[in-house]
Protein backbone atom coordinates (compact mmCIF):
# COMPACT_ATOMS: atom_id res chain seq x y z
CA UNK A 1 33.38 14.06 22.05
CA UNK A 2 33.39 14.91 18.28
CA UNK A 3 30.30 17.43 17.51
CA UNK A 4 27.45 16.10 15.83
CA UNK A 5 27.53 17.88 12.91
CA UNK A 6 31.23 16.88 12.16
CA UNK A 7 30.07 13.40 12.37
CA UNK A 8 26.99 13.93 10.24
CA UNK A 9 29.51 15.88 7.35
CA UNK A 10 31.99 12.85 7.30
CA UNK A 11 29.30 10.42 6.95
CA UNK A 12 27.73 12.43 4.30
CA UNK A 13 31.25 12.53 2.55
CA UNK A 14 31.71 8.95 2.73
CA UNK A 15 28.18 8.03 0.96
CA UNK A 16 29.04 10.63 -1.77
CA UNK A 17 32.61 11.33 -3.03
CA UNK A 18 31.50 14.09 -5.34
CA UNK A 19 30.11 16.15 -2.90
CA UNK A 20 31.79 19.49 -2.26
CA UNK A 21 31.57 22.80 -0.96
CA UNK A 22 32.65 26.47 -1.90
CA UNK A 23 33.47 29.11 0.03
CA UNK A 24 32.84 32.32 -1.63
CA UNK A 25 34.69 34.70 0.80
CA UNK A 26 37.66 34.09 2.89
CA UNK A 27 40.44 36.91 3.70
CA UNK A 28 43.65 34.65 3.12
CA UNK A 29 45.78 37.52 2.46
CA UNK A 30 45.16 38.40 6.16
CA UNK A 31 48.11 38.38 8.27
CA UNK A 32 47.18 35.64 10.53
CA UNK A 33 47.12 33.16 7.82
CA UNK A 34 50.90 34.33 6.94
CA UNK A 35 52.93 31.57 8.80
CA UNK A 36 50.51 28.39 7.99
CA UNK A 37 48.39 28.90 4.68
CA UNK A 38 49.62 25.61 2.99
CA UNK A 39 47.93 23.72 6.23
CA UNK A 40 44.97 26.13 6.66
CA UNK A 41 44.43 25.18 2.50
CA UNK A 42 45.04 21.50 3.40
CA UNK A 43 42.63 21.15 6.12
CA UNK A 44 39.93 22.86 4.00
CA UNK A 45 40.78 20.36 1.01
CA UNK A 46 39.93 17.36 3.67
CA UNK A 47 36.86 18.77 4.90
CA UNK A 48 35.57 18.83 1.08
CA UNK A 49 35.92 22.36 0.54
CA UNK A 50 36.55 22.13 -3.50
CA UNK A 51 37.30 25.75 -3.93
CA UNK A 52 37.85 29.38 -2.35
CA UNK A 53 37.33 32.67 -3.54
CA UNK A 54 39.98 35.24 -2.07
CA UNK A 55 38.49 38.39 -1.25
CA UNK A 56 40.05 41.61 -2.79
CA UNK A 57 39.68 44.49 -0.14
CA UNK A 58 42.08 46.99 -1.61
CA UNK A 59 44.48 46.98 -4.39
CA UNK A 60 47.31 45.30 -2.33
CA UNK A 61 44.97 42.77 -1.33
CA UNK A 62 43.47 42.23 -4.83
CA UNK A 63 47.02 41.79 -5.98
CA UNK A 64 47.81 39.46 -3.24
CA UNK A 65 45.10 37.53 -3.51
CA UNK A 66 46.02 36.82 -7.26
CA UNK A 67 49.49 35.85 -6.36
CA UNK A 68 47.96 33.16 -3.92
CA UNK A 69 45.57 31.99 -7.12
CA UNK A 70 49.20 31.36 -9.17
CA UNK A 71 50.25 29.25 -6.04
CA UNK A 72 46.97 26.91 -5.95
CA UNK A 73 45.39 27.47 -9.69
CA UNK A 74 41.99 25.83 -10.07
CA UNK A 75 41.42 25.50 -6.47
CA UNK A 76 41.59 29.55 -5.21
CA UNK A 77 40.19 32.41 -7.23
CA UNK A 78 39.73 35.69 -6.15
CA UNK A 79 37.73 39.04 -6.08
CA UNK A 80 39.36 42.49 -6.92
CA UNK A 81 38.13 45.78 -5.69
CA UNK A 82 38.28 48.20 -2.74
CA UNK A 83 35.92 47.70 0.48
CA UNK A 84 34.44 51.30 1.54
CA UNK A 85 36.68 51.71 4.50
CA UNK A 86 39.58 52.05 1.88
CA UNK A 87 37.10 54.55 -0.50
CA UNK A 88 38.92 57.83 0.19
CA UNK A 89 42.00 55.93 -1.75
CA UNK A 90 39.97 55.82 -4.88
CA UNK A 91 41.72 57.88 -7.88
CA UNK A 92 42.31 57.61 -11.49
CA UNK A 93 45.13 55.35 -11.02
CA UNK A 94 43.40 52.61 -8.68
CA UNK A 95 40.58 52.55 -11.01
CA UNK A 96 42.76 51.56 -13.70
CA UNK A 97 44.73 48.98 -11.58
CA UNK A 98 41.58 47.40 -10.75
CA UNK A 99 40.17 47.43 -14.36
CA UNK A 100 43.39 45.76 -15.65
CA UNK A 101 43.73 43.05 -13.23
CA UNK A 102 39.88 42.35 -13.06
CA UNK A 103 40.28 41.02 -16.85
CA UNK A 104 42.95 38.28 -15.22
CA UNK A 105 41.19 34.92 -15.41
CA UNK A 106 41.53 34.05 -11.83
CA UNK A 107 39.42 37.11 -11.08
CA UNK A 108 35.82 36.03 -10.79
CA UNK A 109 34.05 39.25 -9.24
CA UNK A 110 34.44 42.85 -8.90
CA UNK A 111 34.69 43.73 -4.72
CA UNK A 112 34.40 43.95 -1.86
CA UNK A 113 32.59 46.78 -2.64
CA UNK A 114 29.64 48.66 -1.25
CA UNK A 115 28.88 50.96 1.37
CA UNK A 116 29.73 51.10 5.84
CA UNK A 117 28.28 54.02 7.28
CA UNK A 118 28.80 52.29 10.47
CA UNK A 119 32.29 53.38 11.44
CA UNK A 120 32.89 55.72 8.44
CA UNK A 121 36.63 54.97 7.94
CA UNK A 122 35.90 56.75 4.89
CA UNK A 123 33.63 59.54 4.19
CA UNK A 124 29.84 58.61 2.93
CA UNK A 125 30.86 60.65 -0.15
CA UNK A 126 34.20 58.86 -0.91
CA UNK A 127 32.39 55.54 -0.47
CA UNK A 128 29.24 56.18 -2.91
CA UNK A 129 31.95 57.47 -5.65
CA UNK A 130 33.74 54.55 -5.02
CA UNK A 131 30.92 52.35 -5.26
CA UNK A 132 29.64 53.20 -8.35
CA UNK A 133 32.92 53.57 -10.27
CA UNK A 134 33.44 49.83 -9.04
CA UNK A 135 29.83 49.01 -10.17
CA UNK A 136 30.96 50.58 -13.88
CA UNK A 137 33.96 48.43 -13.97
CA UNK A 138 31.56 45.30 -13.29
CA UNK A 139 29.45 46.76 -15.86
CA UNK A 140 32.06 46.92 -18.43
CA UNK A 141 34.00 43.77 -17.92
CA UNK A 142 30.63 41.83 -17.08
CA UNK A 143 31.52 40.43 -13.88
CA UNK A 144 29.48 40.01 -10.84
CA UNK A 145 30.03 42.20 -8.13
CA UNK A 146 30.91 40.94 -4.45
CA UNK A 147 28.89 43.34 -2.01
CA UNK A 148 29.30 44.87 1.30
CA UNK A 149 26.74 46.62 3.25
CA UNK A 150 26.75 48.08 6.86
CA UNK A 151 24.25 50.64 8.28
CA UNK A 152 23.68 51.72 4.61
CA UNK A 153 20.59 49.57 3.08
CA UNK A 154 18.82 52.34 1.75
CA UNK A 155 21.35 53.83 -0.01
CA UNK A 156 22.96 50.79 -1.30
CA UNK A 157 19.70 49.63 -2.60
CA UNK A 158 19.08 52.79 -4.69
CA UNK A 159 22.34 52.53 -6.28
CA UNK A 160 22.01 48.78 -7.07
CA UNK A 161 18.75 49.82 -8.39
CA UNK A 162 20.02 52.11 -10.78
CA UNK A 163 22.79 49.60 -12.10
CA UNK A 164 21.32 46.42 -11.68
CA UNK A 165 20.34 46.06 -15.55
CA UNK A 166 23.66 46.62 -16.58
CA UNK A 167 25.17 44.16 -14.06
CA UNK A 168 25.68 40.42 -14.62
CA UNK A 169 24.85 39.46 -11.05
CA UNK A 170 25.57 40.86 -7.58
CA UNK A 171 25.69 38.21 -4.33
CA UNK A 172 25.18 40.42 -0.86
CA UNK A 173 28.58 38.72 1.07
CA UNK A 174 28.40 38.43 4.69
CA UNK A 175 24.53 39.29 4.91
CA UNK A 176 23.42 39.87 8.56
CA UNK A 177 20.60 41.43 7.66
CA UNK A 178 16.64 40.94 8.40
CA UNK A 179 13.89 39.47 6.24
CA UNK A 180 12.97 42.74 4.99
CA UNK A 181 16.36 43.70 4.04
CA UNK A 182 16.67 40.07 2.36
CA UNK A 183 13.78 40.61 0.40
CA UNK A 184 14.97 44.06 -1.11
CA UNK A 185 18.04 42.16 -2.25
CA UNK A 186 15.78 39.42 -3.53
CA UNK A 187 14.06 41.66 -5.57
CA UNK A 188 17.15 43.17 -7.31
CA UNK A 189 17.77 39.27 -8.11
CA UNK A 190 20.87 39.62 -5.91
CA UNK A 191 22.52 36.39 -4.09
CA UNK A 192 22.82 36.09 -0.24
CA UNK A 193 25.82 34.96 1.47
CA UNK A 194 25.76 33.67 4.90
CA UNK A 195 28.72 33.06 7.01
CA UNK A 196 29.04 32.10 10.80
CA UNK A 197 26.83 34.94 11.62
CA UNK A 198 24.16 32.59 11.57
CA UNK A 199 25.97 30.46 14.29
CA UNK A 200 25.97 33.50 16.84
CA UNK A 201 23.25 33.22 19.75
CA UNK A 202 23.52 36.98 20.44
CA UNK A 203 23.72 38.46 17.36
CA UNK A 204 22.31 36.25 14.74
CA UNK A 205 18.17 36.17 15.49
CA UNK A 206 17.48 38.37 12.72
CA UNK A 207 19.45 36.20 9.91
CA UNK A 208 18.43 32.85 11.80
CA UNK A 209 14.89 34.14 10.59
CA UNK A 210 15.48 35.25 7.20
CA UNK A 211 17.32 32.48 5.90
CA UNK A 212 14.10 30.83 6.56
CA UNK A 213 12.68 33.07 3.55
CA UNK A 214 15.45 32.99 1.26
CA UNK A 215 15.03 30.57 -1.54
CA UNK A 216 18.01 27.70 -1.35
CA UNK A 217 19.01 28.76 -5.40
CA UNK A 218 19.88 32.26 -3.97
CA UNK A 219 21.91 31.34 -1.00
CA UNK A 220 26.03 31.06 -1.13
CA UNK A 221 27.99 29.97 2.03
CA UNK A 222 31.11 31.49 3.30
CA UNK A 223 33.56 31.64 6.12
CA UNK A 224 34.72 35.34 5.71
CA UNK A 225 37.63 33.61 7.41
CA UNK A 226 39.98 34.53 9.72
CA UNK A 227 36.82 36.84 10.64
CA UNK A 228 33.53 35.27 12.31
CA UNK A 229 34.62 32.02 14.02
CA UNK A 230 31.44 30.26 14.49
CA UNK A 231 30.46 30.44 18.31
CA UNK A 232 28.17 27.40 18.65
CA UNK A 233 31.33 25.18 17.96
CA UNK A 234 31.87 22.35 20.47
CA UNK A 235 34.63 22.45 22.90
CA UNK A 236 36.60 19.78 21.60
CA UNK A 237 36.42 21.01 17.92
CA UNK A 238 37.52 24.61 19.15
CA UNK A 239 40.76 22.80 20.82
CA UNK A 240 41.39 21.26 17.60
CA UNK A 241 42.18 24.67 16.12
CA UNK A 242 45.46 25.67 15.61
CA UNK A 243 44.42 29.35 16.79
CA UNK A 244 41.61 29.16 19.04
CA UNK A 245 40.37 32.47 17.90
CA UNK A 246 41.09 32.70 13.86
CA UNK A 247 38.09 31.15 11.53
CA UNK A 248 39.23 28.86 8.78
CA UNK A 249 37.67 27.46 5.51
CA UNK A 250 37.82 24.27 7.25
CA UNK A 251 34.63 25.16 9.19
CA UNK A 252 32.54 25.62 6.07
CA UNK A 253 30.91 22.35 6.68
CA UNK A 254 29.85 23.80 9.99
CA UNK A 255 27.99 27.05 8.61
CA UNK A 256 26.44 24.60 5.76
CA UNK A 257 25.10 22.55 8.54
CA UNK A 258 23.72 25.65 10.35
CA UNK A 259 21.80 26.51 7.58
CA UNK A 260 20.51 23.32 6.71
CA UNK A 261 19.16 23.49 10.00
CA UNK A 262 17.31 26.95 9.72
CA UNK A 263 16.00 25.85 6.66
CA UNK A 264 15.03 22.53 7.94
CA UNK A 265 16.67 20.73 5.08
CA UNK A 266 19.18 18.03 4.54
CA UNK A 267 22.78 18.86 4.95
CA UNK A 268 23.59 17.33 1.37
CA UNK A 269 20.72 19.20 -0.63
CA UNK A 270 21.96 22.86 0.95
CA UNK A 271 25.68 21.83 -0.02
CA UNK A 272 24.62 20.75 -3.56
CA UNK A 273 22.73 23.52 -4.11
CA UNK A 274 24.70 26.17 -2.48
CA UNK A 275 27.70 24.90 -4.55
CA UNK A 276 25.79 24.64 -7.95
CA UNK A 277 25.19 28.30 -7.33
CA UNK A 278 28.26 29.32 -6.58
CA UNK A 279 29.91 27.72 -9.56
CA UNK A 280 27.39 29.36 -11.75
CA UNK A 281 27.89 32.70 -10.30
CA UNK A 282 31.93 32.40 -10.05
CA UNK A 283 32.32 30.94 -13.17
CA UNK A 284 34.14 28.02 -11.69
CA UNK A 285 34.83 24.89 -13.78
CA UNK A 286 35.57 21.57 -12.60
């Protein structure tokens, strides 16, 4: 049996051919997409995903994201930056290169940047230095920031607070926090990106409660593919996936439907509002 969300999505699509979704964060440069990326993108198109922003997590993957944008111009866009895991790599040469490629038309935000004190693949000191350096680039070029935070909320908020007036905007990518954290981000006029974490019955309770309080005009949706495969997919839909463990942008409608359910809104309204916000935030035309 086809899942309820799948039927709902196709019914909405047939009623309104202009309906679209924008995946603001997908790691399409990951090795797991190396053999079938064209098919992955085609499946996303078929499920009304009108644009995808490819996440840059270090210099190599930022440059690879730009190569993908050249292959699919007007459909794929990119962020350019250094994830806190790679903060120890930050130096003047890397800073210059990120600054240069961020001026290209396909780059729509600086990041993924921020703080991750959960595993500290880079030291907190290196993370703080790398994060502020990228905020400086974003302020200079006037691009928004694509933000990451894990187990570093207080430091993260303090740093963003110091820079917020100089930044054109920011989105808390893959937000997994609680109501208090969401409020702190909203007080800084940040947007919040929601992923399949919302679909997780084990870990998603705080987020499920928080999204009820987040204004729809400050929400965007993303898959963070190939990570965070939604746990509440039906078995039939799981079986339709080429790789049963890999998330894909084609599943963005499921994230959208789940968000609509928790906000007690219609799917069509959530799809239209999150896409409108994403277009404005990332300066996406068409």
